[in-house]
Amino acid sequence: MPAPKSKPTGPAKSTHESKPKTRVPLPVPEQLKRLFKTLCAQIDGGHHANAIKTCDKILRLAPSDPDALQTKLFLLLTTDQPAAAITLIESLNGEGSNELRYTFERAYALYCLHKKDEARAALAEDAGGVDERGVRHLEAQLNYREGSYQAAFDIYNELLDSAPTAEEQADILTNIQAASAHLDFINTTFLHALDALPAAKQTQLEDAPPPPPPSAAHAPITAAVPDAARAQAAPKTKKPRLPKGVVLGVTPPAGPRALAQEE
C-alpha cells in the first residue's frame, strides 16, 4: 500500500524575485513647467504662502529664473514681509548682476519698514526706471507720511488724470480725500480755532517754542478700546468681606471656622 502524500503546509515559493521599480525623474524643463502651472493656480486662488514655497522649488532648479524671482519678491511684499524682500534683493545685488536691481521694490519695502530717508534714496536710484507710475505713487505716500499733504495732494491729482483702471482710480480718490481733509484742517479749521481764542492766548501760543518731536522709543503703545468694551471685557473681582471687629493689617487672622461663621 503506497504511503499517503503529505499536503503542503504553505504557499509554494517562487523562484522569481521582483525588483523594486525605480522612478525616473522628469527632465528639469518638464518639472519647471509643472511648478509654474502650480504657481499660477496658487496665486489665482490667493494661496500666497504656498506660492512662495513653490517659488523656492523653482529657484532650486533654476536659481536665476527672473520670473520666479520677481514673483517671489511680489509675494513677499504682498504678504507684508518687507524685511525678507530686502534680504532677497540684497542677495541678488550681491551677485553682481546689473539687471536684477529691483530698486523700486526695495524702496517700497523700506517705506513699509518706516525708513523714509532710505526709501527716498532708493527712489532716487530708480530714476528713469520702468515703473515710473509706481514711483510717483510711492512719492505721494512718503509725502503724506511726512506731513507734506499739499505735495501728496498734487501728485495724486496728477495720477488721477491718467489712472488706467477703475480700481486704481478709486484708491487715488480715497487718498485725495485723506490729504484734502488734512489740508482743510490746517488751512481752515485750525486757523478759525486760533481766531476764536483770546488775544492774550494767541500771543502766548505764537511766542511759545515748538514742541519737541515725540520719541518713538519712549512712546507708550496703547490700543484704542472703547470705554464700554473695556468695561465689558474687564473681569469683576469680588471684594472680600471682613468679619466684624477685624481691622485689615492689625487684627490677627482668624481660623477658617470663624470666618465661615461670620459669613
Protein backbone atom coordinates (compact mmCIF):
# COMPACT_ATOMS: atom_id res chain seq x y z
CA MET A 1 0.00 0.00 0.00
CA PRO A 2 1.57 3.31 -1.05
CA ALA A 3 2.31 5.89 1.64
CA PRO A 4 -0.06 8.90 1.71
CA LYS A 5 1.32 12.07 0.18
CA SER A 6 1.82 14.93 2.63
CA LYS A 7 -0.06 18.16 1.87
CA PRO A 8 1.94 21.33 1.52
CA THR A 9 1.74 23.46 4.64
CA GLY A 10 2.37 26.82 2.95
CA PRO A 11 2.34 28.59 -0.40
CA ALA A 12 4.92 27.48 -2.87
CA LYS A 13 7.92 29.73 -3.05
CA SER A 14 8.51 31.40 -6.36
CA THR A 15 11.98 31.40 -7.73
CA HIS A 16 11.36 34.84 -9.40
CA GLU A 17 12.19 37.85 -7.20
CA SER A 18 10.55 41.16 -8.19
CA LYS A 19 12.88 44.14 -8.14
CA PRO A 20 11.63 47.49 -6.82
CA LYS A 21 10.65 49.86 -9.58
CA THR A 22 12.90 52.89 -9.89
CA ARG A 23 11.09 56.12 -10.77
CA VAL A 24 12.84 58.09 -13.43
CA PRO A 25 12.82 61.81 -12.52
CA LEU A 26 11.27 64.18 -15.01
CA PRO A 27 13.58 66.41 -17.00
CA VAL A 28 14.17 69.82 -15.47
CA PRO A 29 12.18 71.72 -18.17
CA GLU A 30 9.16 69.49 -17.52
CA GLN A 31 9.47 69.97 -13.74
CA LEU A 32 9.64 73.74 -14.20
CA LYS A 33 6.60 73.67 -16.46
CA ARG A 34 4.55 71.84 -13.84
CA LEU A 35 5.77 74.04 -11.00
CA PHE A 36 4.89 77.25 -12.87
CA LYS A 37 1.43 75.83 -13.59
CA THR A 38 1.01 75.14 -9.86
CA LEU A 39 2.31 78.61 -9.04
CA CYS A 40 -0.25 80.31 -11.26
CA ALA A 41 -3.08 78.29 -9.69
CA GLN A 42 -1.89 79.16 -6.17
CA ILE A 43 -1.70 82.88 -6.95
CA ASP A 44 -5.14 82.86 -8.60
CA GLY A 45 -6.55 81.10 -5.54
CA GLY A 46 -4.90 83.50 -3.10
CA HIS A 47 -2.68 80.82 -1.52
CA HIS A 48 0.31 83.12 -1.25
CA ALA A 49 2.20 81.21 1.45
CA ASN A 50 2.17 78.05 -0.67
CA ALA A 51 3.06 80.10 -3.74
CA ILE A 52 6.24 81.33 -2.02
CA LYS A 53 7.21 77.71 -1.33
CA THR A 54 6.63 76.87 -4.99
CA CYS A 55 8.88 79.77 -6.00
CA ASP A 56 11.60 78.30 -3.78
CA LYS A 57 11.22 74.94 -5.54
CA ILE A 58 11.57 76.65 -8.93
CA LEU A 59 14.62 78.59 -7.77
CA ARG A 60 16.29 75.39 -6.57
CA LEU A 61 16.07 74.12 -10.15
CA ALA A 62 16.74 77.48 -11.84
CA PRO A 63 18.35 79.88 -9.35
CA SER A 64 18.45 82.82 -11.77
CA ASP A 65 14.96 82.49 -13.24
CA PRO A 66 13.75 86.13 -13.46
CA ASP A 67 10.04 85.23 -13.41
CA ALA A 68 10.36 83.19 -10.21
CA LEU A 69 12.47 85.88 -8.54
CA GLN A 70 10.07 88.66 -9.48
CA THR A 71 7.07 86.60 -8.38
CA LYS A 72 8.62 85.71 -5.03
CA LEU A 73 9.52 89.35 -4.43
CA PHE A 74 5.97 90.42 -5.25
CA LEU A 75 4.55 87.76 -2.91
CA LEU A 76 6.82 88.78 -0.04
CA LEU A 77 5.64 92.37 -0.36
CA THR A 78 2.02 91.28 -0.74
CA THR A 79 2.16 89.17 2.43
CA ASP A 80 3.72 92.03 4.43
CA GLN A 81 7.26 90.62 4.64
CA PRO A 82 9.35 93.68 3.69
CA ALA A 83 12.43 92.55 5.64
CA ALA A 84 12.51 89.24 3.75
CA ALA A 85 12.03 91.13 0.49
CA ILE A 86 15.04 93.35 1.23
CA THR A 87 17.14 90.28 2.06
CA LEU A 88 16.21 88.76 -1.30
CA ILE A 89 17.05 91.97 -3.16
CA GLU A 90 20.41 92.30 -1.40
CA SER A 91 21.29 88.73 -2.30
CA LEU A 92 20.55 89.50 -5.96
CA ASN A 93 22.60 92.68 -5.92
CA GLY A 94 25.43 90.81 -4.23
CA GLU A 95 25.75 88.52 -7.23
CA GLY A 96 26.98 91.43 -9.34
CA SER A 97 24.03 91.41 -11.74
CA ASN A 98 23.14 94.81 -13.15
CA GLU A 99 19.75 93.66 -14.45
CA LEU A 100 18.13 92.44 -11.21
CA ARG A 101 18.39 95.51 -9.03
CA TYR A 102 14.74 95.95 -8.04
CA THR A 103 15.33 99.46 -6.70
CA PHE A 104 11.64 100.37 -6.68
CA GLU A 105 10.69 97.21 -4.79
CA ARG A 106 13.47 97.94 -2.29
CA ALA A 107 12.17 101.50 -1.84
CA TYR A 108 8.67 100.20 -1.20
CA ALA A 109 9.95 97.64 1.33
CA LEU A 110 11.87 100.39 3.15
CA TYR A 111 8.71 102.52 3.17
CA CYS A 112 6.81 99.62 4.78
CA LEU A 113 9.53 99.46 7.45
CA HIS A 114 9.06 103.22 8.12
CA LYS A 115 12.59 104.01 6.87
CA LYS A 116 11.61 107.14 4.97
CA ASP A 117 15.07 108.55 4.24
CA GLU A 118 16.37 105.24 2.92
CA ALA A 119 13.21 104.81 0.84
CA ARG A 120 13.73 108.21 -0.79
CA ALA A 121 17.38 107.37 -1.52
CA ALA A 122 16.27 104.13 -3.18
CA LEU A 123 13.71 106.04 -5.25
CA ALA A 124 16.47 108.38 -6.42
CA GLU A 125 18.37 105.33 -7.67
CA ASP A 126 15.28 104.27 -9.61
CA ALA A 127 15.22 107.45 -11.69
CA GLY A 128 14.19 106.52 -15.21
CA GLY A 129 13.04 103.06 -14.09
CA VAL A 130 10.36 101.04 -15.83
CA ASP A 131 7.73 101.60 -13.10
CA GLU A 132 7.54 105.39 -13.22
CA ARG A 133 3.90 105.38 -12.13
CA GLY A 134 4.70 103.25 -9.11
CA VAL A 135 7.46 105.68 -8.18
CA ARG A 136 5.01 108.59 -8.24
CA HIS A 137 2.57 106.66 -6.04
CA LEU A 138 5.32 105.95 -3.54
CA GLU A 139 6.47 109.59 -3.56
CA ALA A 140 2.94 110.68 -2.73
CA GLN A 141 2.72 108.18 0.12
CA LEU A 142 6.06 109.35 1.53
CA ASN A 143 4.92 112.98 1.36
CA TYR A 144 1.68 112.11 3.13
CA ARG A 145 3.51 110.22 5.89
CA GLU A 146 5.90 113.15 6.39
CA GLY A 147 3.04 115.64 6.67
CA SER A 148 3.59 117.26 3.24
CA TYR A 149 -0.09 116.97 2.41
CA GLN A 150 -0.09 119.57 -0.36
CA ALA A 151 2.68 117.75 -2.26
CA ALA A 152 0.84 114.44 -1.83
CA PHE A 153 -2.43 116.05 -2.94
CA ASP A 154 -0.81 117.41 -6.12
CA ILE A 155 0.76 114.07 -7.07
CA TYR A 156 -2.49 112.19 -6.51
CA ASN A 157 -4.39 114.63 -8.72
CA GLU A 158 -1.76 114.18 -11.41
CA LEU A 159 -2.10 110.40 -11.19
CA LEU A 160 -5.90 110.58 -11.21
CA ASP A 161 -5.94 112.13 -14.68
CA SER A 162 -4.19 109.08 -16.15
CA ALA A 163 -5.47 106.24 -13.95
CA PRO A 164 -5.57 103.15 -16.19
CA THR A 165 -8.10 101.13 -14.15
CA ALA A 166 -11.21 101.85 -12.10
CA GLU A 167 -9.63 100.13 -9.07
CA GLU A 168 -6.60 102.42 -9.12
CA GLN A 169 -8.85 105.43 -9.64
CA ALA A 170 -10.88 104.51 -6.54
CA ASP A 171 -7.69 104.15 -4.47
CA ILE A 172 -6.41 107.53 -5.66
CA LEU A 173 -9.72 109.23 -4.82
CA THR A 174 -9.54 107.80 -1.30
CA ASN A 175 -6.01 109.15 -0.87
CA ILE A 176 -7.02 112.54 -2.26
CA GLN A 177 -9.85 112.79 0.27
CA ALA A 178 -7.46 111.95 3.11
CA ALA A 179 -4.89 114.55 2.02
CA SER A 180 -7.65 117.13 1.43
CA ALA A 181 -9.06 116.57 4.94
CA HIS A 182 -5.65 117.33 6.47
CA LEU A 183 -5.25 120.44 4.30
CA ASP A 184 -8.70 121.71 5.28
CA PHE A 185 -7.86 121.29 8.95
CA ILE A 186 -4.52 123.08 8.64
CA ASN A 187 -5.71 125.92 6.39
CA THR A 188 -9.23 126.47 7.72
CA THR A 189 -10.35 124.66 10.89
CA PHE A 190 -7.12 125.19 12.81
CA LEU A 191 -6.90 128.89 11.90
CA HIS A 192 -10.54 129.51 12.83
CA ALA A 193 -9.92 127.83 16.18
CA LEU A 194 -6.95 130.14 16.77
CA ASP A 195 -9.00 133.22 15.86
CA ALA A 196 -11.62 132.23 18.42
CA LEU A 197 -9.05 132.33 21.24
CA PRO A 198 -8.47 135.48 23.32
CA ALA A 199 -5.72 137.79 22.05
CA ALA A 200 -3.51 137.08 25.08
CA LYS A 201 -3.74 133.33 24.45
CA GLN A 202 -2.91 133.81 20.76
CA THR A 203 0.20 135.80 21.66
CA GLN A 204 1.23 133.15 24.17
CA LEU A 205 0.91 130.39 21.56
CA GLU A 206 2.77 132.38 18.92
CA ASP A 207 5.68 133.10 21.27
CA ALA A 208 5.92 129.54 22.61
CA PRO A 209 8.68 127.32 21.15
CA PRO A 210 7.57 124.37 19.03
CA PRO A 211 7.05 121.13 20.94
CA PRO A 212 9.81 118.50 20.66
CA PRO A 213 9.12 115.60 18.30
CA PRO A 214 7.70 112.54 20.04
CA SER A 215 10.22 109.84 20.85
CA ALA A 216 9.17 106.51 19.41
CA ALA A 217 11.43 104.70 21.87
CA HIS A 218 9.59 106.12 24.90
CA ALA A 219 6.09 106.46 23.48
CA PRO A 220 3.64 104.10 25.18
CA ILE A 221 1.86 101.63 22.95
CA THR A 222 -1.86 101.72 23.68
CA ALA A 223 -4.80 100.10 21.99
CA ALA A 224 -7.81 102.21 21.15
CA VAL A 225 -10.53 100.30 23.00
CA PRO A 226 -13.94 101.94 23.58
CA ASP A 227 -14.83 102.52 27.22
CA ALA A 228 -17.94 100.31 27.00
CA ALA A 229 -15.97 97.41 25.52
CA ARG A 230 -13.19 97.84 28.06
CA ALA A 231 -15.70 97.76 30.92
CA GLN A 232 -17.35 94.68 29.48
CA ALA A 233 -14.05 92.86 28.98
CA ALA A 234 -12.61 93.67 32.42
CA PRO A 235 -13.25 90.83 34.89
CA LYS A 236 -15.21 91.78 38.01
CA THR A 237 -13.36 90.94 41.20
CA LYS A 238 -15.40 90.21 44.33
CA LYS A 239 -14.35 92.31 47.31
CA PRO A 240 -13.56 90.13 50.32
CA ARG A 241 -15.87 90.75 53.29
CA LEU A 242 -14.09 91.11 56.61
CA PRO A 243 -15.66 89.89 59.86
CA LYS A 244 -16.98 92.43 62.31
CA GLY A 245 -14.37 93.99 64.52
CA VAL A 246 -11.47 92.98 62.23
CA VAL A 247 -9.11 95.67 61.03
CA LEU A 248 -7.09 94.77 57.95
CA GLY A 249 -3.38 94.59 58.78
CA VAL A 250 -3.94 94.93 62.55
CA THR A 251 -6.19 92.11 63.79
CA PRO A 252 -4.55 88.63 63.67
CA PRO A 253 -6.13 86.42 61.03
CA ALA A 254 -8.94 84.16 62.29
CA GLY A 255 -9.24 80.46 61.55
CA PRO A 256 -11.38 79.19 58.67
CA ARG A 257 -14.15 78.11 61.05
CA ALA A 258 -14.53 81.58 62.49
CA LEU A 259 -14.67 83.13 59.04
CA ALA A 260 -17.29 80.65 57.93
CA GLN A 261 -19.44 81.57 60.94
CA GLU A 262 -19.17 85.26 60.08
CA GLU A 263 -20.30 84.62 56.51
